[in-house]
Amino acid sequence: IVNKVPGEIVQGDKTGDEPLSESLKRYIKERDAKPGNVFIGVVHRL
């Protein structure tokens, strides 16, 4: 559970901006030094 900053999008849209779901994947991959893909499922949106 994260604290979303206004201006971020939760899931990808037509703007092409990086969504929070992808930022979170990258953050966890780097933080935990994960060699493979990180699973993040979008449950709801703001």
PDB file of all heavy atoms in Angstrom:
ATOM      1  N   ILE A   1       0.866  -1.182   0.000  1.00  0.00           N
ATOM      2  CA  ILE A   1       0.000   0.000   0.000  1.00  0.00           C
ATOM      3  C   ILE A   1       0.898   1.226   0.000  1.00  0.00           C
ATOM      4  O   ILE A   1       1.779   1.362   0.847  1.00  0.00           O
ATOM      5  CB  ILE A   1      -0.935   0.006   1.220  1.00  0.00           C
ATOM      6  CG1 ILE A   1      -1.767  -1.282   1.260  1.00  0.00           C
ATOM      7  CG2 ILE A   1      -1.841   1.224   1.211  1.00  0.00           C
ATOM      8  CD1 ILE A   1      -2.647  -1.415   2.493  1.00  0.00           C
ATOM      9  N   VAL A   2       0.695   2.098  -0.971  1.00  0.00           N
ATOM     10  CA  VAL A   2       1.553   3.269  -1.102  1.00  0.00           C
ATOM     11  C   VAL A   2       0.733   4.551  -1.038  1.00  0.00           C
ATOM     12  O   VAL A   2      -0.486   4.539  -1.221  1.00  0.00           O
ATOM     13  CB  VAL A   2       2.357   3.233  -2.423  1.00  0.00           C
ATOM     14  CG1 VAL A   2       3.198   1.978  -2.506  1.00  0.00           C
ATOM     15  CG2 VAL A   2       1.441   3.338  -3.631  1.00  0.00           C
ATOM     16  N   ASN A   3       1.438   5.640  -0.763  1.00  0.00           N
ATOM     17  CA  ASN A   3       0.819   6.962  -0.729  1.00  0.00           C
ATOM     18  C   ASN A   3       1.051   7.623  -2.076  1.00  0.00           C
ATOM     19  O   ASN A   3       2.160   8.065  -2.386  1.00  0.00           O
ATOM     20  CB  ASN A   3       1.441   7.789   0.404  1.00  0.00           C
ATOM     21  CG  ASN A   3       0.761   9.136   0.582  1.00  0.00           C
ATOM     22  OD1 ASN A   3      -0.380   9.323   0.161  1.00  0.00           O
ATOM     23  ND2 ASN A   3       1.456  10.069   1.205  1.00  0.00           N
ATOM     24  N   LYS A   4       0.014   7.659  -2.906  1.00  0.00           N
ATOM     25  CA  LYS A   4       0.117   8.233  -4.247  1.00  0.00           C
ATOM     26  C   LYS A   4       0.230   9.751  -4.171  1.00  0.00           C
ATOM     27  O   LYS A   4      -0.485  10.406  -3.410  1.00  0.00           O
ATOM     28  CB  LYS A   4      -1.105   7.837  -5.069  1.00  0.00           C
ATOM     29  CG  LYS A   4      -1.198   8.488  -6.439  1.00  0.00           C
ATOM     30  CD  LYS A   4      -2.518   8.137  -7.093  1.00  0.00           C
ATOM     31  CE  LYS A   4      -2.796   8.893  -8.363  1.00  0.00           C
ATOM     32  NZ  LYS A   4      -2.818  10.345  -8.253  1.00  0.00           N
ATOM     33  N   VAL A   5       1.108  10.297  -4.990  1.00  0.00           N
ATOM     34  CA  VAL A   5       1.263  11.742  -5.096  1.00  0.00           C
ATOM     35  C   VAL A   5       0.309  12.262  -6.175  1.00  0.00           C
ATOM     36  O   VAL A   5       0.209  11.655  -7.250  1.00  0.00           O
ATOM     37  CB  VAL A   5       2.720  12.096  -5.471  1.00  0.00           C
ATOM     38  CG1 VAL A   5       2.880  13.598  -5.681  1.00  0.00           C
ATOM     39  CG2 VAL A   5       3.678  11.592  -4.399  1.00  0.00           C
ATOM     40  N   PRO A   6      -0.407  13.374  -5.928  1.00  0.00           N
ATOM     41  CA  PRO A   6      -1.251  13.942  -6.991  1.00  0.00           C
ATOM     42  C   PRO A   6      -0.433  14.182  -8.254  1.00  0.00           C
ATOM     43  O   PRO A   6       0.705  14.653  -8.196  1.00  0.00           O
ATOM     44  CB  PRO A   6      -1.738  15.257  -6.385  1.00  0.00           C
ATOM     45  CG  PRO A   6      -1.708  15.025  -4.911  1.00  0.00           C
ATOM     46  CD  PRO A   6      -0.516  14.152  -4.668  1.00  0.00           C
ATOM     47  N   GLY A   7      -1.017  13.850  -9.389  1.00  0.00           N
ATOM     48  CA  GLY A   7      -0.318  13.988 -10.655  1.00  0.00           C
ATOM     49  C   GLY A   7       0.149  12.662 -11.213  1.00  0.00           C
ATOM     50  O   GLY A   7       0.363  12.529 -12.423  1.00  0.00           O
ATOM     51  N   GLU A   8       0.325  11.664 -10.343  1.00  0.00           N
ATOM     52  CA  GLU A   8       0.688  10.332 -10.810  1.00  0.00           C
ATOM     53  C   GLU A   8      -0.555   9.613 -11.339  1.00  0.00           C
ATOM     54  O   GLU A   8      -1.665   9.847 -10.861  1.00  0.00           O
ATOM     55  CB  GLU A   8       1.290   9.500  -9.674  1.00  0.00           C
ATOM     56  CG  GLU A   8       2.660   9.953  -9.213  1.00  0.00           C
ATOM     57  CD  GLU A   8       3.205   9.084  -8.097  1.00  0.00           C
ATOM     58  OE1 GLU A   8       2.446   8.778  -7.157  1.00  0.00           O
ATOM     59  OE2 GLU A   8       4.388   8.719  -8.160  1.00  0.00           O
ATOM     60  N   ILE A   9      -0.341   8.726 -12.316  1.00  0.00           N
ATOM     61  CA  ILE A   9      -1.413   7.849 -12.767  1.00  0.00           C
ATOM     62  C   ILE A   9      -1.146   6.464 -12.190  1.00  0.00           C
ATOM     63  O   ILE A   9       0.001   6.040 -12.058  1.00  0.00           O
ATOM     64  CB  ILE A   9      -1.517   7.795 -14.298  1.00  0.00           C
ATOM     65  CG1 ILE A   9      -0.168   7.454 -14.943  1.00  0.00           C
ATOM     66  CG2 ILE A   9      -2.061   9.094 -14.843  1.00  0.00           C
ATOM     67  CD1 ILE A   9      -0.232   7.254 -16.444  1.00  0.00           C
ATOM     68  N   VAL A  10      -2.196   5.757 -11.817  1.00  0.00           N
ATOM     69  CA  VAL A  10      -2.042   4.440 -11.195  1.00  0.00           C
ATOM     70  C   VAL A  10      -1.713   3.386 -12.244  1.00  0.00           C
ATOM     71  O   VAL A  10      -0.862   2.522 -12.037  1.00  0.00           O
ATOM     72  CB  VAL A  10      -3.317   4.057 -10.422  1.00  0.00           C
ATOM     73  CG1 VAL A  10      -3.236   2.621  -9.907  1.00  0.00           C
ATOM     74  CG2 VAL A  10      -3.527   5.017  -9.243  1.00  0.00           C
ATOM     75  N   GLN A  11      -2.386   3.458 -13.372  1.00  0.00           N
ATOM     76  CA  GLN A  11      -2.211   2.481 -14.440  1.00  0.00           C
ATOM     77  C   GLN A  11      -2.014   3.222 -15.758  1.00  0.00           C
ATOM     78  O   GLN A  11      -2.484   4.349 -15.918  1.00  0.00           O
ATOM     79  CB  GLN A  11      -3.434   1.567 -14.523  1.00  0.00           C
ATOM     80  CG  GLN A  11      -3.243   0.316 -15.364  1.00  0.00           C
ATOM     81  CD  GLN A  11      -4.433  -0.620 -15.227  1.00  0.00           C
ATOM     82  OE1 GLN A  11      -5.565  -0.180 -15.055  1.00  0.00           O
ATOM     83  NE2 GLN A  11      -4.195  -1.915 -15.307  1.00  0.00           N
ATOM     84  N   GLY A  12      -1.315   2.600 -16.706  1.00  0.00           N
ATOM     85  CA  GLY A  12      -1.016   3.254 -17.971  1.00  0.00           C
ATOM     86  C   GLY A  12      -2.251   3.759 -18.697  1.00  0.00           C
ATOM     87  O   GLY A  12      -3.317   3.144 -18.647  1.00  0.00           O
ATOM     88  N   ASP A  13      -2.117   4.898 -19.374  1.00  0.00           N
ATOM     89  CA  ASP A  13      -3.219   5.448 -20.163  1.00  0.00           C
ATOM     90  C   ASP A  13      -2.670   6.046 -21.458  1.00  0.00           C
ATOM     91  O   ASP A  13      -1.490   5.878 -21.793  1.00  0.00           O
ATOM     92  CB  ASP A  13      -4.014   6.484 -19.350  1.00  0.00           C
ATOM     93  CG  ASP A  13      -3.195   7.715 -18.971  1.00  0.00           C
ATOM     94  OD1 ASP A  13      -2.059   7.868 -19.483  1.00  0.00           O
ATOM     95  OD2 ASP A  13      -3.686   8.541 -18.183  1.00  0.00           O
ATOM     96  N   LYS A  14      -3.514   6.761 -22.174  1.00  0.00           N
ATOM     97  CA  LYS A  14      -3.133   7.259 -23.490  1.00  0.00           C
ATOM     98  C   LYS A  14      -2.063   8.340 -23.440  1.00  0.00           C
ATOM     99  O   LYS A  14      -1.477   8.686 -24.482  1.00  0.00           O
ATOM    100  CB  LYS A  14      -4.367   7.781 -24.221  1.00  0.00           C
ATOM    101  CG  LYS A  14      -5.054   8.953 -23.531  1.00  0.00           C
ATOM    102  CD  LYS A  14      -6.326   9.346 -24.273  1.00  0.00           C
ATOM    103  CE  LYS A  14      -7.047  10.499 -23.569  1.00  0.00           C
ATOM    104  NZ  LYS A  14      -8.305  10.849 -24.255  1.00  0.00           N
ATOM    105  N   THR A  15      -1.775   8.897 -22.255  1.00  0.00           N
ATOM    106  CA  THR A  15      -0.733   9.924 -22.161  1.00  0.00           C
ATOM    107  C   THR A  15       0.652   9.336 -22.386  1.00  0.00           C
ATOM    108  O   THR A  15       1.578  10.045 -22.781  1.00  0.00           O
ATOM    109  CB  THR A  15      -0.747  10.610 -20.783  1.00  0.00           C
ATOM    110  OG1 THR A  15      -0.393   9.655 -19.764  1.00  0.00           O
ATOM    111  CG2 THR A  15      -2.123  11.199 -20.479  1.00  0.00           C
ATOM    112  N   GLY A  16       0.800   8.046 -22.103  1.00  0.00           N
ATOM    113  CA  GLY A  16       2.114   7.422 -22.220  1.00  0.00           C
ATOM    114  C   GLY A  16       3.018   7.679 -21.033  1.00  0.00           C
ATOM    115  O   GLY A  16       4.167   7.205 -21.005  1.00  0.00           O
ATOM    116  N   ASP A  17       2.539   8.421 -20.028  1.00  0.00           N
ATOM    117  CA  ASP A  17       3.339   8.671 -18.825  1.00  0.00           C
ATOM    118  C   ASP A  17       3.512   7.379 -18.035  1.00  0.00           C
ATOM    119  O   ASP A  17       2.625   6.521 -18.041  1.00  0.00           O
ATOM    120  CB  ASP A  17       2.667   9.719 -17.940  1.00  0.00           C
ATOM    121  CG  ASP A  17       2.596  11.086 -18.601  1.00  0.00           C
ATOM    122  OD1 ASP A  17       3.396  11.326 -19.534  1.00  0.00           O
ATOM    123  OD2 ASP A  17       1.752  11.899 -18.187  1.00  0.00           O
ATOM    124  N   GLU A  18       4.646   7.257 -17.349  1.00  0.00           N
ATOM    125  CA  GLU A  18       4.874   6.039 -16.568  1.00  0.00           C
ATOM    126  C   GLU A  18       3.893   5.980 -15.394  1.00  0.00           C
ATOM    127  O   GLU A  18       3.828   6.912 -14.595  1.00  0.00           O
ATOM    128  CB  GLU A  18       6.304   5.985 -16.030  1.00  0.00           C
ATOM    129  CG  GLU A  18       6.588   4.696 -15.275  1.00  0.00           C
ATOM    130  CD  GLU A  18       8.000   4.598 -14.755  1.00  0.00           C
ATOM    131  OE1 GLU A  18       8.353   5.392 -13.857  1.00  0.00           O
ATOM    132  OE2 GLU A  18       8.748   3.734 -15.227  1.00  0.00           O
ATOM    133  N   PRO A  19       3.143   4.894 -15.279  1.00  0.00           N
ATOM    134  CA  PRO A  19       2.195   4.789 -14.167  1.00  0.00           C
ATOM    135  C   PRO A  19       2.877   4.365 -12.878  1.00  0.00           C
ATOM    136  O   PRO A  19       4.002   3.841 -12.878  1.00  0.00           O
ATOM    137  CB  PRO A  19       1.229   3.705 -14.651  1.00  0.00           C
ATOM    138  CG  PRO A  19       2.058   2.842 -15.544  1.00  0.00           C
ATOM    139  CD  PRO A  19       3.037   3.767 -16.224  1.00  0.00           C
ATOM    140  N   LEU A  20       2.162   4.583 -11.786  1.00  0.00           N
ATOM    141  CA  LEU A  20       2.672   4.211 -10.466  1.00  0.00           C
ATOM    142  C   LEU A  20       2.956   2.716 -10.379  1.00  0.00           C
ATOM    143  O   LEU A  20       3.918   2.298  -9.730  1.00  0.00           O
ATOM    144  CB  LEU A  20       1.655   4.627  -9.404  1.00  0.00           C
ATOM    145  CG  LEU A  20       1.998   4.394  -7.937  1.00  0.00           C
ATOM    146  CD1 LEU A  20       3.335   5.035  -7.559  1.00  0.00           C
ATOM    147  CD2 LEU A  20       0.890   4.919  -7.041  1.00  0.00           C
ATOM    148  N   SER A  21       2.149   1.904 -11.052  1.00  0.00           N
ATOM    149  CA  SER A  21       2.369   0.451 -11.017  1.00  0.00           C
ATOM    150  C   SER A  21       3.741   0.088 -11.572  1.00  0.00           C
ATOM    151  O   SER A  21       4.441  -0.789 -11.022  1.00  0.00           O
ATOM    152  CB  SER A  21       1.274  -0.268 -11.813  1.00  0.00           C
ATOM    153  OG  SER A  21       1.213   0.221 -13.143  1.00  0.00           O
ATOM    154  N   GLU A  22       4.179   0.759 -12.636  1.00  0.00           N
ATOM    155  CA  GLU A  22       5.495   0.478 -13.214  1.00  0.00           C
ATOM    156  C   GLU A  22       6.620   1.063 -12.365  1.00  0.00           C
ATOM    157  O   GLU A  22       7.676   0.445 -12.211  1.00  0.00           O
ATOM    158  CB  GLU A  22       5.565   1.021 -14.646  1.00  0.00           C
ATOM    159  CG  GLU A  22       4.662   0.287 -15.629  1.00  0.00           C
ATOM    160  CD  GLU A  22       5.004  -1.192 -15.728  1.00  0.00           C
ATOM    161  OE1 GLU A  22       6.205  -1.522 -15.773  1.00  0.00           O
ATOM    162  OE2 GLU A  22       4.065  -2.012 -15.756  1.00  0.00           O
ATOM    163  N   SER A  23       6.399   2.252 -11.818  1.00  0.00           N
ATOM    164  CA  SER A  23       7.396   2.842 -10.920  1.00  0.00           C
ATOM    165  C   SER A  23       7.619   1.942  -9.711  1.00  0.00           C
ATOM    166  O   SER A  23       8.754   1.776  -9.240  1.00  0.00           O
ATOM    167  CB  SER A  23       6.939   4.224 -10.448  1.00  0.00           C
ATOM    168  OG  SER A  23       6.705   5.095 -11.527  1.00  0.00           O
ATOM    169  N   LEU A  24       6.529   1.361  -9.227  1.00  0.00           N
ATOM    170  CA  LEU A  24       6.617   0.483  -8.066  1.00  0.00           C
ATOM    171  C   LEU A  24       7.379  -0.797  -8.394  1.00  0.00           C
ATOM    172  O   LEU A  24       8.192  -1.276  -7.596  1.00  0.00           O
ATOM    173  CB  LEU A  24       5.204   0.167  -7.568  1.00  0.00           C
ATOM    174  CG  LEU A  24       5.060  -0.586  -6.249  1.00  0.00           C
ATOM    175  CD1 LEU A  24       5.807   0.120  -5.128  1.00  0.00           C
ATOM    176  CD2 LEU A  24       3.589  -0.744  -5.890  1.00  0.00           C
ATOM    177  N   LYS A  25       7.136  -1.354  -9.586  1.00  0.00           N
ATOM    178  CA  LYS A  25       7.893  -2.537 -10.007  1.00  0.00           C
ATOM    179  C   LYS A  25       9.394  -2.245 -10.024  1.00  0.00           C
ATOM    180  O   LYS A  25      10.208  -3.042  -9.532  1.00  0.00           O
ATOM    181  CB  LYS A  25       7.451  -2.982 -11.397  1.00  0.00           C
ATOM    182  CG  LYS A  25       6.104  -3.664 -11.468  1.00  0.00           C
ATOM    183  CD  LYS A  25       5.808  -4.057 -12.913  1.00  0.00           C
ATOM    184  CE  LYS A  25       4.421  -4.662 -13.059  1.00  0.00           C
ATOM    185  NZ  LYS A  25       4.135  -5.027 -14.462  1.00  0.00           N
ATOM    186  N   ARG A  26       9.749  -1.116 -10.625  1.00  0.00           N
ATOM    187  CA  ARG A  26      11.162  -0.755 -10.715  1.00  0.00           C
ATOM    188  C   ARG A  26      11.760  -0.522  -9.336  1.00  0.00           C
ATOM    189  O   ARG A  26      12.897  -0.950  -9.044  1.00  0.00           O
ATOM    190  CB  ARG A  26      11.317   0.490 -11.587  1.00  0.00           C
ATOM    191  CG  ARG A  26      12.775   0.808 -11.913  1.00  0.00           C
ATOM    192  CD  ARG A  26      12.923   1.978 -12.858  1.00  0.00           C
ATOM    193  NE  ARG A  26      12.527   3.227 -12.240  1.00  0.00           N
ATOM    194  CZ  ARG A  26      11.426   3.872 -12.526  1.00  0.00           C
ATOM    195  NH1 ARG A  26      10.574   3.389 -13.425  1.00  0.00           N
ATOM    196  NH2 ARG A  26      11.135   5.016 -11.919  1.00  0.00           N
ATOM    197  N   TYR A  27      11.006   0.125  -8.467  1.00  0.00           N
ATOM    198  CA  TYR A  27      11.483   0.400  -7.110  1.00  0.00           C
ATOM    199  C   TYR A  27      11.767  -0.901  -6.353  1.00  0.00           C
ATOM    200  O   TYR A  27      12.819  -1.056  -5.727  1.00  0.00           O
ATOM    201  CB  TYR A  27      10.436   1.233  -6.369  1.00  0.00           C
ATOM    202  CG  TYR A  27      10.718   1.423  -4.902  1.00  0.00           C
ATOM    203  CD1 TYR A  27      11.621   2.394  -4.471  1.00  0.00           C
ATOM    204  CD2 TYR A  27      10.093   0.627  -3.940  1.00  0.00           C
ATOM    205  CE1 TYR A  27      11.886   2.572  -3.120  1.00  0.00           C
ATOM    206  CE2 TYR A  27      10.351   0.800  -2.588  1.00  0.00           C
ATOM    207  CZ  TYR A  27      11.248   1.771  -2.190  1.00  0.00           C
ATOM    208  OH  TYR A  27      11.515   1.933  -0.855  1.00  0.00           O
ATOM    209  N   ILE A  28      10.817  -1.842  -6.408  1.00  0.00           N
ATOM    210  CA  ILE A  28      10.992  -3.109  -5.687  1.00  0.00           C
ATOM    211  C   ILE A  28      12.134  -3.917  -6.285  1.00  0.00           C
ATOM    212  O   ILE A  28      12.929  -4.532  -5.557  1.00  0.00           O
ATOM    213  CB  ILE A  28       9.676  -3.911  -5.702  1.00  0.00           C
ATOM    214  CG1 ILE A  28       8.607  -3.195  -4.868  1.00  0.00           C
ATOM    215  CG2 ILE A  28       9.899  -5.330  -5.184  1.00  0.00           C
ATOM    216  CD1 ILE A  28       7.240  -3.839  -4.938  1.00  0.00           C
ATOM    217  N   LYS A  29      12.253  -3.908  -7.605  1.00  0.00           N
ATOM    218  CA  LYS A  29      13.323  -4.659  -8.267  1.00  0.00           C
ATOM    219  C   LYS A  29      14.695  -4.161  -7.818  1.00  0.00           C
ATOM    220  O   LYS A  29      15.598  -4.950  -7.509  1.00  0.00           O
ATOM    221  CB  LYS A  29      13.185  -4.534  -9.784  1.00  0.00           C
ATOM    222  CG  LYS A  29      14.172  -5.379 -10.583  1.00  0.00           C
ATOM    223  CD  LYS A  29      13.908  -5.247 -12.069  1.00  0.00           C
ATOM    224  CE  LYS A  29      14.904  -6.067 -12.875  1.00  0.00           C
ATOM    225  NZ  LYS A  29      14.757  -7.521 -12.646  1.00  0.00           N
ATOM    226  N   GLU A  30      14.832  -2.832  -7.740  1.00  0.00           N
ATOM    227  CA  GLU A  30      16.106  -2.250  -7.317  1.00  0.00           C
ATOM    228  C   GLU A  30      16.328  -2.424  -5.816  1.00  0.00           C
ATOM    229  O   GLU A  30      17.423  -2.778  -5.375  1.00  0.00           O
ATOM    230  CB  GLU A  30      16.150  -0.771  -7.693  1.00  0.00           C
ATOM    231  CG  GLU A  30      16.159  -0.533  -9.190  1.00  0.00           C
ATOM    232  CD  GLU A  30      16.021   0.932  -9.552  1.00  0.00           C
ATOM    233  OE1 GLU A  30      15.862   1.766  -8.626  1.00  0.00           O
ATOM    234  OE2 GLU A  30      16.058   1.250 -10.755  1.00  0.00           O
ATOM    235  N   ARG A  31      15.292  -2.193  -5.035  1.00  0.00           N
ATOM    236  CA  ARG A  31      15.431  -2.299  -3.580  1.00  0.00           C
ATOM    237  C   ARG A  31      15.806  -3.699  -3.149  1.00  0.00           C
ATOM    238  O   ARG A  31      16.667  -3.901  -2.290  1.00  0.00           O
ATOM    239  CB  ARG A  31      14.110  -1.877  -2.923  1.00  0.00           C
ATOM    240  CG  ARG A  31      14.137  -1.878  -1.396  1.00  0.00           C
ATOM    241  CD  ARG A  31      12.740  -1.835  -0.821  1.00  0.00           C
ATOM    242  NE  ARG A  31      11.995  -3.065  -1.106  1.00  0.00           N
ATOM    243  CZ  ARG A  31      10.729  -3.261  -0.752  1.00  0.00           C
ATOM    244  NH1 ARG A  31      10.059  -2.302  -0.134  1.00  0.00           N
ATOM    245  NH2 ARG A  31      10.120  -4.408  -1.030  1.00  0.00           N
ATOM    246  N   ASP A  32      15.148  -4.707  -3.740  1.00  0.00           N
ATOM    247  CA  ASP A  32      15.350  -6.093  -3.320  1.00  0.00           C
ATOM    248  C   ASP A  32      16.345  -6.837  -4.211  1.00  0.00           C
ATOM    249  O   ASP A  32      16.554  -8.044  -4.025  1.00  0.00           O
ATOM    250  CB  ASP A  32      14.010  -6.843  -3.319  1.00  0.00           C
ATOM    251  CG  ASP A  32      13.003  -6.223  -2.356  1.00  0.00           C
ATOM    252  OD1 ASP A  32      13.414  -5.426  -1.500  1.00  0.00           O
ATOM    253  OD2 ASP A  32      11.800  -6.530  -2.479  1.00  0.00           O
ATOM    254  N   ALA A  33      16.929  -6.134  -5.167  1.00  0.00           N
ATOM    255  CA  ALA A  33      17.889  -6.741  -6.103  1.00  0.00           C
ATOM    256  C   ALA A  33      17.319  -8.014  -6.726  1.00  0.00           C
ATOM    257  O   ALA A  33      17.976  -9.058  -6.779  1.00  0.00           O
ATOM    258  CB  ALA A  33      19.204  -7.037  -5.389  1.00  0.00           C
ATOM    259  N   LYS A  34      16.094  -7.918  -7.219  1.00  0.00           N
ATOM    260  CA  LYS A  34      15.425  -9.083  -7.813  1.00  0.00           C
ATOM    261  C   LYS A  34      15.949  -9.314  -9.236  1.00  0.00           C
ATOM    262  O   LYS A  34      15.970  -8.393 -10.049  1.00  0.00           O
ATOM    263  CB  LYS A  34      13.904  -8.879  -7.841  1.00  0.00           C
ATOM    264  CG  LYS A  34      13.237  -9.044  -6.494  1.00  0.00           C
ATOM    265  CD  LYS A  34      11.736  -8.930  -6.621  1.00  0.00           C
ATOM    266  CE  LYS A  34      11.039  -9.265  -5.312  1.00  0.00           C
ATOM    267  NZ  LYS A  34      11.118 -10.695  -4.991  1.00  0.00           N
ATOM    268  N   PRO A  35      16.345 -10.535  -9.552  1.00  0.00           N
ATOM    269  CA  PRO A  35      16.873 -10.809 -10.896  1.00  0.00           C
ATOM    270  C   PRO A  35      15.786 -10.908 -11.970  1.00  0.00           C
ATOM    271  O   PRO A  35      16.026 -10.602 -13.134  1.00  0.00           O
ATOM    272  CB  PRO A  35      17.582 -12.155 -10.726  1.00  0.00           C
ATOM    273  CG  PRO A  35      16.861 -12.823  -9.579  1.00  0.00           C
ATOM    274  CD  PRO A  35      16.445 -11.706  -8.661  1.00  0.00           C
ATOM    275  N   GLY A  36      14.580 -11.339 -11.600  1.00  0.00           N
ATOM    276  CA  GLY A  36      13.506 -11.525 -12.575  1.00  0.00           C
ATOM    277  C   GLY A  36      12.493 -10.405 -12.538  1.00  0.00           C
ATOM    278  O   GLY A  36      12.725  -9.333 -11.979  1.00  0.00           O
ATOM    279  N   ASN A  37      11.356 -10.661 -13.169  1.00  0.00           N
ATOM    280  CA  ASN A  37      10.287  -9.674 -13.198  1.00  0.00           C
ATOM    281  C   ASN A  37       9.601  -9.559 -11.838  1.00  0.00           C
ATOM    282  O   ASN A  37       9.531 -10.521 -11.079  1.00  0.00           O
ATOM    283  CB  ASN A  37       9.247 -10.048 -14.260  1.00  0.00           C
ATOM    284  CG  ASN A  37       9.808  -9.955 -15.668  1.00  0.00           C
ATOM    285  OD1 ASN A  37      10.685  -9.128 -15.933  1.00  0.00           O
ATOM    286  ND2 ASN A  37       9.319 -10.792 -16.565  1.00  0.00           N
ATOM    287  N   VAL A  38       9.100  -8.387 -11.544  1.00  0.00           N
ATOM    288  CA  VAL A  38       8.350  -8.128 -10.316  1.00  0.00           C
ATOM    289  C   VAL A  38       6.865  -8.084 -10.673  1.00  0.00           C
ATOM    290  O   VAL A  38       6.468  -7.404 -11.621  1.00  0.00           O
ATOM    291  CB  VAL A  38       8.786  -6.796  -9.676  1.00  0.00           C
ATOM    292  CG1 VAL A  38       7.889  -6.448  -8.491  1.00  0.00           C
ATOM    293  CG2 VAL A  38      10.247  -6.862  -9.247  1.00  0.00           C
ATOM    294  N   PHE A  39       6.050  -8.804  -9.909  1.00  0.00           N
ATOM    295  CA  PHE A  39       4.602  -8.800 -10.138  1.00  0.00           C
ATOM    296  C   PHE A  39       3.952  -7.698  -9.311  1.00  0.00           C
ATOM    297  O   PHE A  39       4.124  -7.640  -8.086  1.00  0.00           O
ATOM    298  CB  PHE A  39       3.988 -10.150  -9.748  1.00  0.00           C
ATOM    299  CG  PHE A  39       2.493 -10.222  -9.969  1.00  0.00           C
ATOM    300  CD1 PHE A  39       1.979 -10.661 -11.177  1.00  0.00           C
ATOM    301  CD2 PHE A  39       1.602  -9.826  -8.974  1.00  0.00           C
ATOM    302  CE1 PHE A  39       0.609 -10.709 -11.404  1.00  0.00           C
ATOM    303  CE2 PHE A  39       0.231  -9.866  -9.179  1.00  0.00           C
ATOM    304  CZ  PHE A  39      -0.266 -10.314 -10.394  1.00  0.00           C
ATOM    305  N   ILE A  40       3.225  -6.824  -9.977  1.00  0.00           N
ATOM    306  CA  ILE A  40       2.394  -5.824  -9.300  1.00  0.00           C
ATOM    307  C   ILE A  40       1.034  -5.817  -9.989  1.00  0.00           C
ATOM    308  O   ILE A  40       0.946  -5.546 -11.197  1.00  0.00           O
ATOM    309  CB  ILE A  40       3.024  -4.417  -9.351  1.00  0.00           C
ATOM    310  CG1 ILE A  40       4.252  -4.337  -8.449  1.00  0.00           C
ATOM    311  CG2 ILE A  40       2.010  -3.353  -8.940  1.00  0.00           C
ATOM    312  CD1 ILE A  40       3.958  -4.451  -6.957  1.00  0.00           C
ATOM    313  N   GLY A  41      -0.012  -6.117  -9.234  1.00  0.00           N
ATOM    314  CA  GLY A  41      -1.362  -6.130  -9.772  1.00  0.00           C
ATOM    315  C   GLY A  41      -2.140  -4.909  -9.327  1.00  0.00           C
ATOM    316  O   GLY A  41      -2.156  -4.565  -8.139  1.00  0.00           O
ATOM    317  N   VAL A  42      -2.774  -4.234 -10.281  1.00  0.00           N
ATOM    318  CA  VAL A  42      -3.582  -3.052  -9.978  1.00  0.00           C
ATOM    319  C   VAL A  42      -4.960  -3.499  -9.503  1.00  0.00           C
ATOM    320  O   VAL A  42      -5.671  -4.214 -10.209  1.00  0.00           O
ATOM    321  CB  VAL A  42      -3.712  -2.145 -11.213  1.00  0.00           C
ATOM    322  CG1 VAL A  42      -4.636  -0.968 -10.913  1.00  0.00           C
ATOM    323  CG2 VAL A  42      -2.339  -1.656 -11.660  1.00  0.00           C
ATOM    324  N   VAL A  43      -5.320  -3.082  -8.313  1.00  0.00           N
ATOM    325  CA  VAL A  43      -6.578  -3.491  -7.687  1.00  0.00           C
ATOM    326  C   VAL A  43      -7.650  -2.413  -7.841  1.00  0.00           C
ATOM    327  O   VAL A  43      -8.820  -2.706  -8.061  1.00  0.00           O
ATOM    328  CB  VAL A  43      -6.349  -3.808  -6.190  1.00  0.00           C
ATOM    329  CG1 VAL A  43      -7.651  -4.215  -5.522  1.00  0.00           C
ATOM    330  CG2 VAL A  43      -5.304  -4.902  -6.026  1.00  0.00           C
ATOM    331  N   HIS A  44      -7.259  -1.169  -7.710  1.00  0.00           N
ATOM    332  CA  HIS A  44      -8.195  -0.039  -7.853  1.00  0.00           C
ATOM    333  C   HIS A  44      -7.400   1.173  -8.307  1.00  0.00           C
ATOM    334  O   HIS A  44      -6.171   1.123  -8.394  1.00  0.00           O
ATOM    335  CB  HIS A  44      -8.932   0.246  -6.532  1.00  0.00           C
ATOM    336  CG  HIS A  44      -8.021   0.764  -5.451  1.00  0.00           C
ATOM    337  ND1 HIS A  44      -8.143   2.013  -4.905  1.00  0.00           N
ATOM    338  CD2 HIS A  44      -6.955   0.197  -4.825  1.00  0.00           C
ATOM    339  CE1 HIS A  44      -7.211   2.202  -3.983  1.00  0.00           C
ATOM    340  NE2 HIS A  44      -6.475   1.114  -3.916  1.00  0.00           N
ATOM    341  N   ARG A  45      -8.079   2.263  -8.594  1.00  0.00           N
ATOM    342  CA  ARG A  45      -7.425   3.450  -9.128  1.00  0.00           C
ATOM    343  C   ARG A  45      -7.852   4.701  -8.382  1.00  0.00           C
ATOM    344  O   ARG A  45      -8.900   4.712  -7.737  1.00  0.00           O
ATOM    345  CB  ARG A  45      -7.757   3.607 -10.620  1.00  0.00           C
ATOM    346  CG  ARG A  45      -7.248   2.454 -11.470  1.00  0.00           C
ATOM    347  CD  ARG A  45      -7.959   2.408 -12.819  1.00  0.00           C
ATOM    348  NE  ARG A  45      -7.574   1.242 -13.594  1.00  0.00           N
ATOM    349  CZ  ARG A  45      -8.043   0.008 -13.413  1.00  0.00           C
ATOM    350  NH1 ARG A  45      -8.942  -0.223 -12.455  1.00  0.00           N
ATOM    351  NH2 ARG A  45      -7.639  -0.990 -14.163  1.00  0.00           N
ATOM    352  N   LEU A  46      -7.035   5.726  -8.512  1.00  0.00           N
ATOM    353  CA  LEU A  46      -7.398   7.071  -8.076  1.00  0.00           C
ATOM    354  C   LEU A  46      -7.242   8.001  -9.270  1.00  0.00           C
ATOM    355  O   LEU A  46      -6.348   7.812 -10.100  1.00  0.00           O
ATOM    356  CB  LEU A  46      -6.479   7.559  -6.943  1.00  0.00           C
ATOM    357  CG  LEU A  46      -6.575   6.881  -5.581  1.00  0.00           C
ATOM    358  CD1 LEU A  46      -5.578   7.536  -4.623  1.00  0.00           C
ATOM    359  CD2 LEU A  46      -7.969   6.946  -5.010  1.00  0.00           C
TER     360      LEU A  46
END
